Amino acid sequence: MALDQEALKKELIEAFRLEGIPGDKQEELLAKIGEALLKRIFLETMEKMGEAGIAEYEALLEKNAKQEELEAFFETKIPGYNVFVRGIVTAFKEEMQNGLA
C-alpha cells in the first residue's frame, strides 16, 4: 500500500498545475487535495473489504497494529492492493481535472 509520498506530491503538483503557486499556498492546497484523496482511498477500501473485513481492520487498530501489519492485511483482503490504490488515485485526478476544465 505504501505510496511514494514524494512522487505522489510531485504528481499532484503537475496534475493540478500548482508549480507557480507560492510554497505555503501550494502546501495548503496539497494538504486539502491529499485529505480528499485519502478519504476516497479509505472509503473505497472499506467498501471493497465488506463488513467482515472492516471488523478485522478495527480489531487491528484496537491492538495498535504497525503500518506493515496494516499493509499486509490490506493485501490479503484486496490482492493487488497497490494497483487498487493506484486506480483510485488515477480516477481521483481525472475527476478533479475534469471538474477544473
PDB file of N, CA and C in Angstrom:
ATOM      1  N   MET A   1       0.813  -1.190   0.000  1.00  0.00           N
ATOM      2  CA  MET A   1       0.000   0.000   0.000  1.00  0.00           C
ATOM      3  C   MET A   1       0.853   1.249   0.000  1.00  0.00           C
ATOM      4  N   ALA A   2       2.053   1.128   0.438  1.00  0.00           N
ATOM      5  CA  ALA A   2       2.898   2.300   0.613  1.00  0.00           C
ATOM      6  C   ALA A   2       3.091   3.038  -0.711  1.00  0.00           C
ATOM      7  N   LEU A   3       2.449   4.173  -0.810  1.00  0.00           N
ATOM      8  CA  LEU A   3       2.662   5.036  -1.959  1.00  0.00           C
ATOM      9  C   LEU A   3       3.890   5.876  -1.672  1.00  0.00           C
ATOM     10  N   ASP A   4       4.685   6.129  -2.679  1.00  0.00           N
ATOM     11  CA  ASP A   4       5.812   7.030  -2.534  1.00  0.00           C
ATOM     12  C   ASP A   4       5.233   8.436  -2.407  1.00  0.00           C
ATOM     13  N   GLN A   5       5.246   8.957  -1.194  1.00  0.00           N
ATOM     14  CA  GLN A   5       4.567  10.226  -0.927  1.00  0.00           C
ATOM     15  C   GLN A   5       5.179  11.397  -1.683  1.00  0.00           C
ATOM     16  N   GLU A   6       6.493  11.404  -1.823  1.00  0.00           N
ATOM     17  CA  GLU A   6       7.131  12.495  -2.572  1.00  0.00           C
ATOM     18  C   GLU A   6       6.765  12.432  -4.052  1.00  0.00           C
ATOM     19  N   ALA A   7       6.742  11.218  -4.596  1.00  0.00           N
ATOM     20  CA  ALA A   7       6.365  11.062  -6.002  1.00  0.00           C
ATOM     21  C   ALA A   7       4.905  11.456  -6.209  1.00  0.00           C
ATOM     22  N   LEU A   8       4.050  11.075  -5.268  1.00  0.00           N
ATOM     23  CA  LEU A   8       2.638  11.438  -5.356  1.00  0.00           C
ATOM     24  C   LEU A   8       2.464  12.948  -5.258  1.00  0.00           C
ATOM     25  N   LYS A   9       3.200  13.570  -4.368  1.00  0.00           N
ATOM     26  CA  LYS A   9       3.137  15.030  -4.212  1.00  0.00           C
ATOM     27  C   LYS A   9       3.515  15.713  -5.528  1.00  0.00           C
ATOM     28  N   LYS A  10       4.600  15.263  -6.137  1.00  0.00           N
ATOM     29  CA  LYS A  10       5.036  15.829  -7.416  1.00  0.00           C
ATOM     30  C   LYS A  10       3.974  15.604  -8.489  1.00  0.00           C
ATOM     31  N   GLU A  11       3.407  14.414  -8.494  1.00  0.00           N
ATOM     32  CA  GLU A  11       2.364  14.069  -9.467  1.00  0.00           C
ATOM     33  C   GLU A  11       1.148  14.987  -9.315  1.00  0.00           C
ATOM     34  N   LEU A  12       0.752  15.247  -8.079  1.00  0.00           N
ATOM     35  CA  LEU A  12      -0.399  16.128  -7.830  1.00  0.00           C
ATOM     36  C   LEU A  12      -0.087  17.572  -8.203  1.00  0.00           C
ATOM     37  N   ILE A  13       1.122  18.016  -7.926  1.00  0.00           N
ATOM     38  CA  ILE A  13       1.529  19.382  -8.294  1.00  0.00           C
ATOM     39  C   ILE A  13       1.419  19.555  -9.803  1.00  0.00           C
ATOM     40  N   GLU A  14       1.910  18.571 -10.543  1.00  0.00           N
ATOM     41  CA  GLU A  14       1.843  18.637 -12.005  1.00  0.00           C
ATOM     42  C   GLU A  14       0.408  18.518 -12.505  1.00  0.00           C
ATOM     43  N   ALA A  15      -0.347  17.578 -11.948  1.00  0.00           N
ATOM     44  CA  ALA A  15      -1.713  17.324 -12.418  1.00  0.00           C
ATOM     45  C   ALA A  15      -2.616  18.541 -12.225  1.00  0.00           C
ATOM     46  N   PHE A  16      -2.408  19.254 -11.127  1.00  0.00           N
ATOM     47  CA  PHE A  16      -3.275  20.392 -10.830  1.00  0.00           C
ATOM     48  C   PHE A  16      -2.604  21.734 -11.101  1.00  0.00           C
ATOM     49  N   ARG A  17      -1.484  21.659 -11.802  1.00  0.00           N
ATOM     50  CA  ARG A  17      -0.753  22.859 -12.246  1.00  0.00           C
ATOM     51  C   ARG A  17      -0.473  23.822 -11.091  1.00  0.00           C
ATOM     52  N   LEU A  18       0.124  23.290 -10.044  1.00  0.00           N
ATOM     53  CA  LEU A  18       0.413  24.095  -8.861  1.00  0.00           C
ATOM     54  C   LEU A  18       1.859  24.594  -8.827  1.00  0.00           C
ATOM     55  N   GLU A  19       2.618  24.371  -9.897  1.00  0.00           N
ATOM     56  CA  GLU A  19       4.038  24.706  -9.907  1.00  0.00           C
ATOM     57  C   GLU A  19       4.311  26.172  -9.600  1.00  0.00           C
ATOM     58  N   GLY A  20       3.516  27.080 -10.120  1.00  0.00           N
ATOM     59  CA  GLY A  20       3.772  28.508  -9.976  1.00  0.00           C
ATOM     60  C   GLY A  20       3.190  29.138  -8.726  1.00  0.00           C
ATOM     61  N   ILE A  21       2.554  28.351  -7.890  1.00  0.00           N
ATOM     62  CA  ILE A  21       1.914  28.877  -6.678  1.00  0.00           C
ATOM     63  C   ILE A  21       2.951  28.951  -5.557  1.00  0.00           C
ATOM     64  N   PRO A  22       2.960  30.048  -4.784  1.00  0.00           N
ATOM     65  CA  PRO A  22       3.914  30.170  -3.677  1.00  0.00           C
ATOM     66  C   PRO A  22       3.858  28.955  -2.747  1.00  0.00           C
ATOM     67  N   GLY A  23       5.010  28.596  -2.174  1.00  0.00           N
ATOM     68  CA  GLY A  23       5.176  27.385  -1.382  1.00  0.00           C
ATOM     69  C   GLY A  23       4.149  27.153  -0.300  1.00  0.00           C
ATOM     70  N   ASP A  24       3.844  28.170   0.510  1.00  0.00           N
ATOM     71  CA  ASP A  24       2.901  27.966   1.607  1.00  0.00           C
ATOM     72  C   ASP A  24       1.492  27.704   1.097  1.00  0.00           C
ATOM     73  N   LYS A  25       1.084  28.407   0.064  1.00  0.00           N
ATOM     74  CA  LYS A  25      -0.244  28.198  -0.522  1.00  0.00           C
ATOM     75  C   LYS A  25      -0.296  26.837  -1.220  1.00  0.00           C
ATOM     76  N   GLN A  26       0.812  26.471  -1.882  1.00  0.00           N
ATOM     77  CA  GLN A  26       0.899  25.170  -2.545  1.00  0.00           C
ATOM     78  C   GLN A  26       0.756  24.050  -1.525  1.00  0.00           C
ATOM     79  N   GLU A  27       1.434  24.167  -0.387  1.00  0.00           N
ATOM     80  CA  GLU A  27       1.345  23.149   0.661  1.00  0.00           C
ATOM     81  C   GLU A  27      -0.071  23.054   1.215  1.00  0.00           C
ATOM     82  N   GLU A  28      -0.723  24.194   1.359  1.00  0.00           N
ATOM     83  CA  GLU A  28      -2.108  24.215   1.855  1.00  0.00           C
ATOM     84  C   GLU A  28      -3.039  23.491   0.878  1.00  0.00           C
ATOM     85  N   LEU A  29      -2.885  23.789  -0.409  1.00  0.00           N
ATOM     86  CA  LEU A  29      -3.714  23.131  -1.425  1.00  0.00           C
ATOM     87  C   LEU A  29      -3.426  21.637  -1.489  1.00  0.00           C
ATOM     88  N   LEU A  30      -2.144  21.267  -1.419  1.00  0.00           N
ATOM     89  CA  LEU A  30      -1.779  19.849  -1.438  1.00  0.00           C
ATOM     90  C   LEU A  30      -2.354  19.110  -0.234  1.00  0.00           C
ATOM     91  N   ALA A  31      -2.375  19.771   0.918  1.00  0.00           N
ATOM     92  CA  ALA A  31      -2.942  19.148   2.117  1.00  0.00           C
ATOM     93  C   ALA A  31      -4.431  18.861   1.912  1.00  0.00           C
ATOM     94  N   LYS A  32      -5.138  19.814   1.327  1.00  0.00           N
ATOM     95  CA  LYS A  32      -6.569  19.628   1.092  1.00  0.00           C
ATOM     96  C   LYS A  32      -6.819  18.538   0.047  1.00  0.00           C
ATOM     97  N   ILE A  33      -6.039  18.557  -1.018  1.00  0.00           N
ATOM     98  CA  ILE A  33      -6.170  17.527  -2.053  1.00  0.00           C
ATOM     99  C   ILE A  33      -5.842  16.163  -1.458  1.00  0.00           C
ATOM    100  N   GLY A  34      -4.755  16.108  -0.678  1.00  0.00           N
ATOM    101  CA  GLY A  34      -4.334  14.854  -0.053  1.00  0.00           C
ATOM    102  C   GLY A  34      -5.383  14.305   0.898  1.00  0.00           C
ATOM    103  N   GLU A  35      -6.003  15.180   1.658  1.00  0.00           N
ATOM    104  CA  GLU A  35      -7.049  14.746   2.586  1.00  0.00           C
ATOM    105  C   GLU A  35      -8.229  14.141   1.832  1.00  0.00           C
ATOM    106  N   ALA A  36      -8.646  14.799   0.763  1.00  0.00           N
ATOM    107  CA  ALA A  36      -9.761  14.285  -0.043  1.00  0.00           C
ATOM    108  C   ALA A  36      -9.389  12.943  -0.670  1.00  0.00           C
ATOM    109  N   LEU A  37      -8.152  12.823  -1.137  1.00  0.00           N
ATOM    110  CA  LEU A  37      -7.698  11.576  -1.749  1.00  0.00           C
ATOM    111  C   LEU A  37      -7.633  10.450  -0.728  1.00  0.00           C
ATOM    112  N   LEU A  38      -7.109  10.724   0.453  1.00  0.00           N
ATOM    113  CA  LEU A  38      -7.043   9.702   1.497  1.00  0.00           C
ATOM    114  C   LEU A  38      -8.434   9.227   1.914  1.00  0.00           C
ATOM    115  N   LYS A  39      -9.367  10.149   2.000  1.00  0.00           N
ATOM    116  CA  LYS A  39     -10.748   9.776   2.331  1.00  0.00           C
ATOM    117  C   LYS A  39     -11.309   8.843   1.267  1.00  0.00           C
ATOM    118  N   ARG A  40     -11.043   9.167   0.004  1.00  0.00           N
ATOM    119  CA  ARG A  40     -11.536   8.343  -1.096  1.00  0.00           C
ATOM    120  C   ARG A  40     -10.925   6.947  -1.019  1.00  0.00           C
ATOM    121  N   ILE A  41      -9.608   6.869  -0.792  1.00  0.00           N
ATOM    122  CA  ILE A  41      -8.936   5.573  -0.689  1.00  0.00           C
ATOM    123  C   ILE A  41      -9.525   4.778   0.478  1.00  0.00           C
ATOM    124  N   PHE A  42      -9.708   5.432   1.612  1.00  0.00           N
ATOM    125  CA  PHE A  42     -10.252   4.756   2.789  1.00  0.00           C
ATOM    126  C   PHE A  42     -11.655   4.218   2.517  1.00  0.00           C
ATOM    127  N   LEU A  43     -12.522   5.066   1.995  1.00  0.00           N
ATOM    128  CA  LEU A  43     -13.907   4.653   1.749  1.00  0.00           C
ATOM    129  C   LEU A  43     -13.993   3.509   0.736  1.00  0.00           C
ATOM    130  N   GLU A  44     -13.233   3.605  -0.344  1.00  0.00           N
ATOM    131  CA  GLU A  44     -13.280   2.545  -1.354  1.00  0.00           C
ATOM    132  C   GLU A  44     -12.671   1.253  -0.827  1.00  0.00           C
ATOM    133  N   THR A  45     -11.643   1.370   0.017  1.00  0.00           N
ATOM    134  CA  THR A  45     -11.039   0.182   0.627  1.00  0.00           C
ATOM    135  C   THR A  45     -12.043  -0.502   1.547  1.00  0.00           C
ATOM    136  N   MET A  46     -12.706   0.261   2.393  1.00  0.00           N
ATOM    137  CA  MET A  46     -13.681  -0.313   3.322  1.00  0.00           C
ATOM    138  C   MET A  46     -14.835  -0.952   2.569  1.00  0.00           C
ATOM    139  N   GLU A  47     -15.288  -0.291   1.520  1.00  0.00           N
ATOM    140  CA  GLU A  47     -16.390  -0.836   0.714  1.00  0.00           C
ATOM    141  C   GLU A  47     -15.980  -2.161   0.073  1.00  0.00           C
ATOM    142  N   LYS A  48     -14.774  -2.220  -0.444  1.00  0.00           N
ATOM    143  CA  LYS A  48     -14.294  -3.437  -1.118  1.00  0.00           C
ATOM    144  C   LYS A  48     -14.131  -4.596  -0.132  1.00  0.00           C
ATOM    145  N   MET A  49     -13.713  -4.296   1.112  1.00  0.00           N
ATOM    146  CA  MET A  49     -13.476  -5.356   2.098  1.00  0.00           C
ATOM    147  C   MET A  49     -14.767  -5.910   2.678  1.00  0.00           C
ATOM    148  N   GLY A  50     -15.807  -5.111   2.730  1.00  0.00           N
ATOM    149  CA  GLY A  50     -17.062  -5.570   3.303  1.00  0.00           C
ATOM    150  C   GLY A  50     -17.033  -5.548   4.830  1.00  0.00           C
ATOM    151  N   GLU A  51     -18.158  -5.911   5.413  1.00  0.00           N
ATOM    152  CA  GLU A  51     -18.319  -5.814   6.864  1.00  0.00           C
ATOM    153  C   GLU A  51     -17.345  -6.682   7.650  1.00  0.00           C
ATOM    154  N   ALA A  52     -17.099  -7.894   7.175  1.00  0.00           N
ATOM    155  CA  ALA A  52     -16.171  -8.785   7.888  1.00  0.00           C
ATOM    156  C   ALA A  52     -14.762  -8.202   7.869  1.00  0.00           C
ATOM    157  N   GLY A  53     -14.346  -7.691   6.726  1.00  0.00           N
ATOM    158  CA  GLY A  53     -13.020  -7.083   6.608  1.00  0.00           C
ATOM    159  C   GLY A  53     -12.891  -5.845   7.479  1.00  0.00           C
ATOM    160  N   ILE A  54     -13.956  -5.056   7.547  1.00  0.00           N
ATOM    161  CA  ILE A  54     -13.942  -3.854   8.381  1.00  0.00           C
ATOM    162  C   ILE A  54     -13.783  -4.244   9.845  1.00  0.00           C
ATOM    163  N   ALA A  55     -14.485  -5.286  10.270  1.00  0.00           N
ATOM    164  CA  ALA A  55     -14.373  -5.745  11.660  1.00  0.00           C
ATOM    165  C   ALA A  55     -12.943  -6.187  11.965  1.00  0.00           C
ATOM    166  N   GLU A  56     -12.324  -6.897  11.035  1.00  0.00           N
ATOM    167  CA  GLU A  56     -10.933  -7.327  11.225  1.00  0.00           C
ATOM    168  C   GLU A  56     -10.001  -6.116  11.284  1.00  0.00           C
ATOM    169  N   TYR A  57     -10.249  -5.138  10.423  1.00  0.00           N
ATOM    170  CA  TYR A  57      -9.450  -3.914  10.395  1.00  0.00           C
ATOM    171  C   TYR A  57      -9.556  -3.170  11.725  1.00  0.00           C
ATOM    172  N   GLU A  58     -10.778  -3.046  12.230  1.00  0.00           N
ATOM    173  CA  GLU A  58     -10.984  -2.374  13.519  1.00  0.00           C
ATOM    174  C   GLU A  58     -10.256  -3.107  14.643  1.00  0.00           C
ATOM    175  N   ALA A  59     -10.262  -4.440  14.587  1.00  0.00           N
ATOM    176  CA  ALA A  59      -9.552  -5.223  15.600  1.00  0.00           C
ATOM    177  C   ALA A  59      -8.050  -4.953  15.531  1.00  0.00           C
ATOM    178  N   LEU A  60      -7.520  -4.827  14.332  1.00  0.00           N
ATOM    179  CA  LEU A  60      -6.097  -4.495  14.178  1.00  0.00           C
ATOM    180  C   LEU A  60      -5.793  -3.120  14.752  1.00  0.00           C
ATOM    181  N   LEU A  61      -6.674  -2.174  14.507  1.00  0.00           N
ATOM    182  CA  LEU A  61      -6.469  -0.824  15.045  1.00  0.00           C
ATOM    183  C   LEU A  61      -6.501  -0.826  16.573  1.00  0.00           C
ATOM    184  N   GLU A  62      -7.423  -1.609  17.127  1.00  0.00           N
ATOM    185  CA  GLU A  62      -7.539  -1.687  18.589  1.00  0.00           C
ATOM    186  C   GLU A  62      -6.282  -2.257  19.231  1.00  0.00           C
ATOM    187  N   LYS A  63      -5.593  -3.137  18.533  1.00  0.00           N
ATOM    188  CA  LYS A  63      -4.359  -3.710  19.086  1.00  0.00           C
ATOM    189  C   LYS A  63      -3.123  -2.910  18.656  1.00  0.00           C
ATOM    190  N   ASN A  64      -3.372  -1.709  18.103  1.00  0.00           N
ATOM    191  CA  ASN A  64      -2.287  -0.808  17.687  1.00  0.00           C
ATOM    192  C   ASN A  64      -1.322  -1.469  16.703  1.00  0.00           C
ATOM    193  N   ALA A  65      -1.881  -2.076  15.679  1.00  0.00           N
ATOM    194  CA  ALA A  65      -1.071  -2.735  14.655  1.00  0.00           C
ATOM    195  C   ALA A  65      -0.127  -1.737  13.998  1.00  0.00           C
ATOM    196  N   LYS A  66       1.033  -2.222  13.622  1.00  0.00           N
ATOM    197  CA  LYS A  66       2.018  -1.391  12.937  1.00  0.00           C
ATOM    198  C   LYS A  66       1.607  -1.208  11.481  1.00  0.00           C
ATOM    199  N   GLN A  67       2.183  -0.198  10.851  1.00  0.00           N
ATOM    200  CA  GLN A  67       1.886   0.107   9.449  1.00  0.00           C
ATOM    201  C   GLN A  67       2.106  -1.111   8.555  1.00  0.00           C
ATOM    202  N   GLU A  68       3.177  -1.855   8.807  1.00  0.00           N
ATOM    203  CA  GLU A  68       3.479  -3.023   7.992  1.00  0.00           C
ATOM    204  C   GLU A  68       2.384  -4.080   8.127  1.00  0.00           C
ATOM    205  N   GLU A  69       1.849  -4.236   9.337  1.00  0.00           N
ATOM    206  CA  GLU A  69       0.773  -5.201   9.553  1.00  0.00           C
ATOM    207  C   GLU A  69      -0.485  -4.789   8.797  1.00  0.00           C
ATOM    208  N   LEU A  70      -0.777  -3.487   8.830  1.00  0.00           N
ATOM    209  CA  LEU A  70      -1.958  -2.991   8.122  1.00  0.00           C
ATOM    210  C   LEU A  70      -1.808  -3.177   6.613  1.00  0.00           C
ATOM    211  N   GLU A  71      -0.623  -2.895   6.107  1.00  0.00           N
ATOM    212  CA  GLU A  71      -0.382  -3.069   4.680  1.00  0.00           C
ATOM    213  C   GLU A  71      -0.543  -4.533   4.270  1.00  0.00           C
ATOM    214  N   ALA A  72      -0.008  -5.431   5.077  1.00  0.00           N
ATOM    215  CA  ALA A  72      -0.141  -6.868   4.791  1.00  0.00           C
ATOM    216  C   ALA A  72      -1.610  -7.285   4.852  1.00  0.00           C
ATOM    217  N   PHE A  73      -2.339  -6.764   5.821  1.00  0.00           N
ATOM    218  CA  PHE A  73      -3.765  -7.058   5.960  1.00  0.00           C
ATOM    219  C   PHE A  73      -4.529  -6.632   4.701  1.00  0.00           C
ATOM    220  N   PHE A  74      -4.296  -5.383   4.244  1.00  0.00           N
ATOM    221  CA  PHE A  74      -4.989  -4.893   3.057  1.00  0.00           C
ATOM    222  C   PHE A  74      -4.660  -5.758   1.844  1.00  0.00           C
ATOM    223  N   GLU A  75      -3.421  -6.187   1.741  1.00  0.00           N
ATOM    224  CA  GLU A  75      -3.018  -7.018   0.602  1.00  0.00           C
ATOM    225  C   GLU A  75      -3.715  -8.375   0.642  1.00  0.00           C
ATOM    226  N   THR A  76      -3.942  -8.923   1.842  1.00  0.00           N
ATOM    227  CA  THR A  76      -4.641 -10.212   1.912  1.00  0.00           C
ATOM    228  C   THR A  76      -6.121 -10.050   1.588  1.00  0.00           C
ATOM    229  N   LYS A  77      -6.689  -8.937   1.980  1.00  0.00           N
ATOM    230  CA  LYS A  77      -8.116  -8.704   1.726  1.00  0.00           C
ATOM    231  C   LYS A  77      -8.395  -8.247   0.295  1.00  0.00           C
ATOM    232  N   ILE A  78      -7.459  -7.490  -0.269  1.00  0.00           N
ATOM    233  CA  ILE A  78      -7.611  -6.973  -1.626  1.00  0.00           C
ATOM    234  C   ILE A  78      -6.306  -7.272  -2.364  1.00  0.00           C
ATOM    235  N   PRO A  79      -6.204  -8.469  -2.951  1.00  0.00           N
ATOM    236  CA  PRO A  79      -4.977  -8.806  -3.677  1.00  0.00           C
ATOM    237  C   PRO A  79      -4.663  -7.738  -4.735  1.00  0.00           C
ATOM    238  N   GLY A  80      -3.389  -7.354  -4.808  1.00  0.00           N
ATOM    239  CA  GLY A  80      -3.009  -6.282  -5.721  1.00  0.00           C
ATOM    240  C   GLY A  80      -3.422  -4.927  -5.172  1.00  0.00           C
ATOM    241  N   TYR A  81      -3.360  -4.785  -3.864  1.00  0.00           N
ATOM    242  CA  TYR A  81      -3.851  -3.554  -3.227  1.00  0.00           C
ATOM    243  C   TYR A  81      -3.163  -2.300  -3.774  1.00  0.00           C
ATOM    244  N   ASN A  82      -1.875  -2.378  -4.068  1.00  0.00           N
ATOM    245  CA  ASN A  82      -1.175  -1.215  -4.630  1.00  0.00           C
ATOM    246  C   ASN A  82      -1.803  -0.786  -5.950  1.00  0.00           C
ATOM    247  N   VAL A  83      -2.174  -1.756  -6.768  1.00  0.00           N
ATOM    248  CA  VAL A  83      -2.811  -1.459  -8.049  1.00  0.00           C
ATOM    249  C   VAL A  83      -4.191  -0.855  -7.807  1.00  0.00           C
ATOM    250  N   PHE A  84      -4.910  -1.397  -6.840  1.00  0.00           N
ATOM    251  CA  PHE A  84      -6.222  -0.878  -6.462  1.00  0.00           C
ATOM    252  C   PHE A  84      -6.118   0.594  -6.064  1.00  0.00           C
ATOM    253  N   VAL A  85      -5.139   0.907  -5.198  1.00  0.00           N
ATOM    254  CA  VAL A  85      -4.946   2.284  -4.736  1.00  0.00           C
ATOM    255  C   VAL A  85      -4.530   3.182  -5.895  1.00  0.00           C
ATOM    256  N   ARG A  86      -3.645   2.695  -6.755  1.00  0.00           N
ATOM    257  CA  ARG A  86      -3.201   3.493  -7.904  1.00  0.00           C
ATOM    258  C   ARG A  86      -4.393   3.822  -8.796  1.00  0.00           C
ATOM    259  N   GLY A  87      -5.309   2.883  -8.958  1.00  0.00           N
ATOM    260  CA  GLY A  87      -6.516   3.137  -9.742  1.00  0.00           C
ATOM    261  C   GLY A  87      -7.371   4.224  -9.129  1.00  0.00           C
ATOM    262  N   ILE A  88      -7.471   4.237  -7.812  1.00  0.00           N
ATOM    263  CA  ILE A  88      -8.237   5.283  -7.116  1.00  0.00           C
ATOM    264  C   ILE A  88      -7.578   6.636  -7.336  1.00  0.00           C
ATOM    265  N   VAL A  89      -6.254   6.681  -7.224  1.00  0.00           N
ATOM    266  CA  VAL A  89      -5.517   7.934  -7.418  1.00  0.00           C
ATOM    267  C   VAL A  89      -5.744   8.458  -8.834  1.00  0.00           C
ATOM    268  N   THR A  90      -5.639   7.583  -9.814  1.00  0.00           N
ATOM    269  CA  THR A  90      -5.824   7.980 -11.209  1.00  0.00           C
ATOM    270  C   THR A  90      -7.238   8.498 -11.447  1.00  0.00           C
ATOM    271  N   ALA A  91      -8.232   7.776 -10.949  1.00  0.00           N
ATOM    272  CA  ALA A  91      -9.629   8.202 -11.119  1.00  0.00           C
ATOM    273  C   ALA A  91      -9.866   9.537 -10.422  1.00  0.00           C
ATOM    274  N   PHE A  92      -9.301   9.703  -9.238  1.00  0.00           N
ATOM    275  CA  PHE A  92      -9.453  10.951  -8.480  1.00  0.00           C
ATOM    276  C   PHE A  92      -8.885  12.122  -9.282  1.00  0.00           C
ATOM    277  N   LYS A  93      -7.670  11.954  -9.794  1.00  0.00           N
ATOM    278  CA  LYS A  93      -7.050  13.031 -10.569  1.00  0.00           C
ATOM    279  C   LYS A  93      -7.893  13.378 -11.791  1.00  0.00           C
ATOM    280  N   GLU A  94      -8.367  12.364 -12.498  1.00  0.00           N
ATOM    281  CA  GLU A  94      -9.167  12.599 -13.694  1.00  0.00           C
ATOM    282  C   GLU A  94     -10.462  13.335 -13.349  1.00  0.00           C
ATOM    283  N   GLU A  95     -11.120  12.899 -12.280  1.00  0.00           N
ATOM    284  CA  GLU A  95     -12.368  13.571 -11.889  1.00  0.00           C
ATOM    285  C   GLU A  95     -12.119  15.023 -11.496  1.00  0.00           C
ATOM    286  N   MET A  96     -11.052  15.256 -10.761  1.00  0.00           N
ATOM    287  CA  MET A  96     -10.739  16.615 -10.333  1.00  0.00           C
ATOM    288  C   MET A  96     -10.337  17.483 -11.519  1.00  0.00           C
ATOM    289  N   GLN A  97      -9.557  16.943 -12.424  1.00  0.00           N
ATOM    290  CA  GLN A  97      -9.144  17.698 -13.602  1.00  0.00           C
ATOM    291  C   GLN A  97     -10.331  18.022 -14.486  1.00  0.00           C
ATOM    292  N   ASN A  98     -11.256  17.083 -14.641  1.00  0.00           N
ATOM    293  CA  ASN A  98     -12.454  17.335 -15.442  1.00  0.00           C
ATOM    294  C   ASN A  98     -13.321  18.400 -14.792  1.00  0.00           C
ATOM    295  N   GLY A  99     -13.329  18.423 -13.471  1.00  0.00           N
ATOM    296  CA  GLY A  99     -14.080  19.444 -12.743  1.00  0.00           C
ATOM    297  C   GLY A  99     -13.459  20.819 -12.885  1.00  0.00           C
ATOM    298  N   LEU A 100     -12.145  20.857 -13.111  1.00  0.00           N
ATOM    299  CA  LEU A 100     -11.446  22.134 -13.256  1.00  0.00           C
ATOM    300  C   LEU A 100     -11.521  22.671 -14.669  1.00  0.00           C
ATOM    301  N   ALA A 101     -11.848  21.809 -15.631  1.00  0.00           N
ATOM    302  CA  ALA A 101     -11.857  22.223 -17.047  1.00  0.00           C
ATOM    303  C   ALA A 101     -13.066  23.062 -17.380  1.00  0.00           C
TER     304      ALA A 101
END
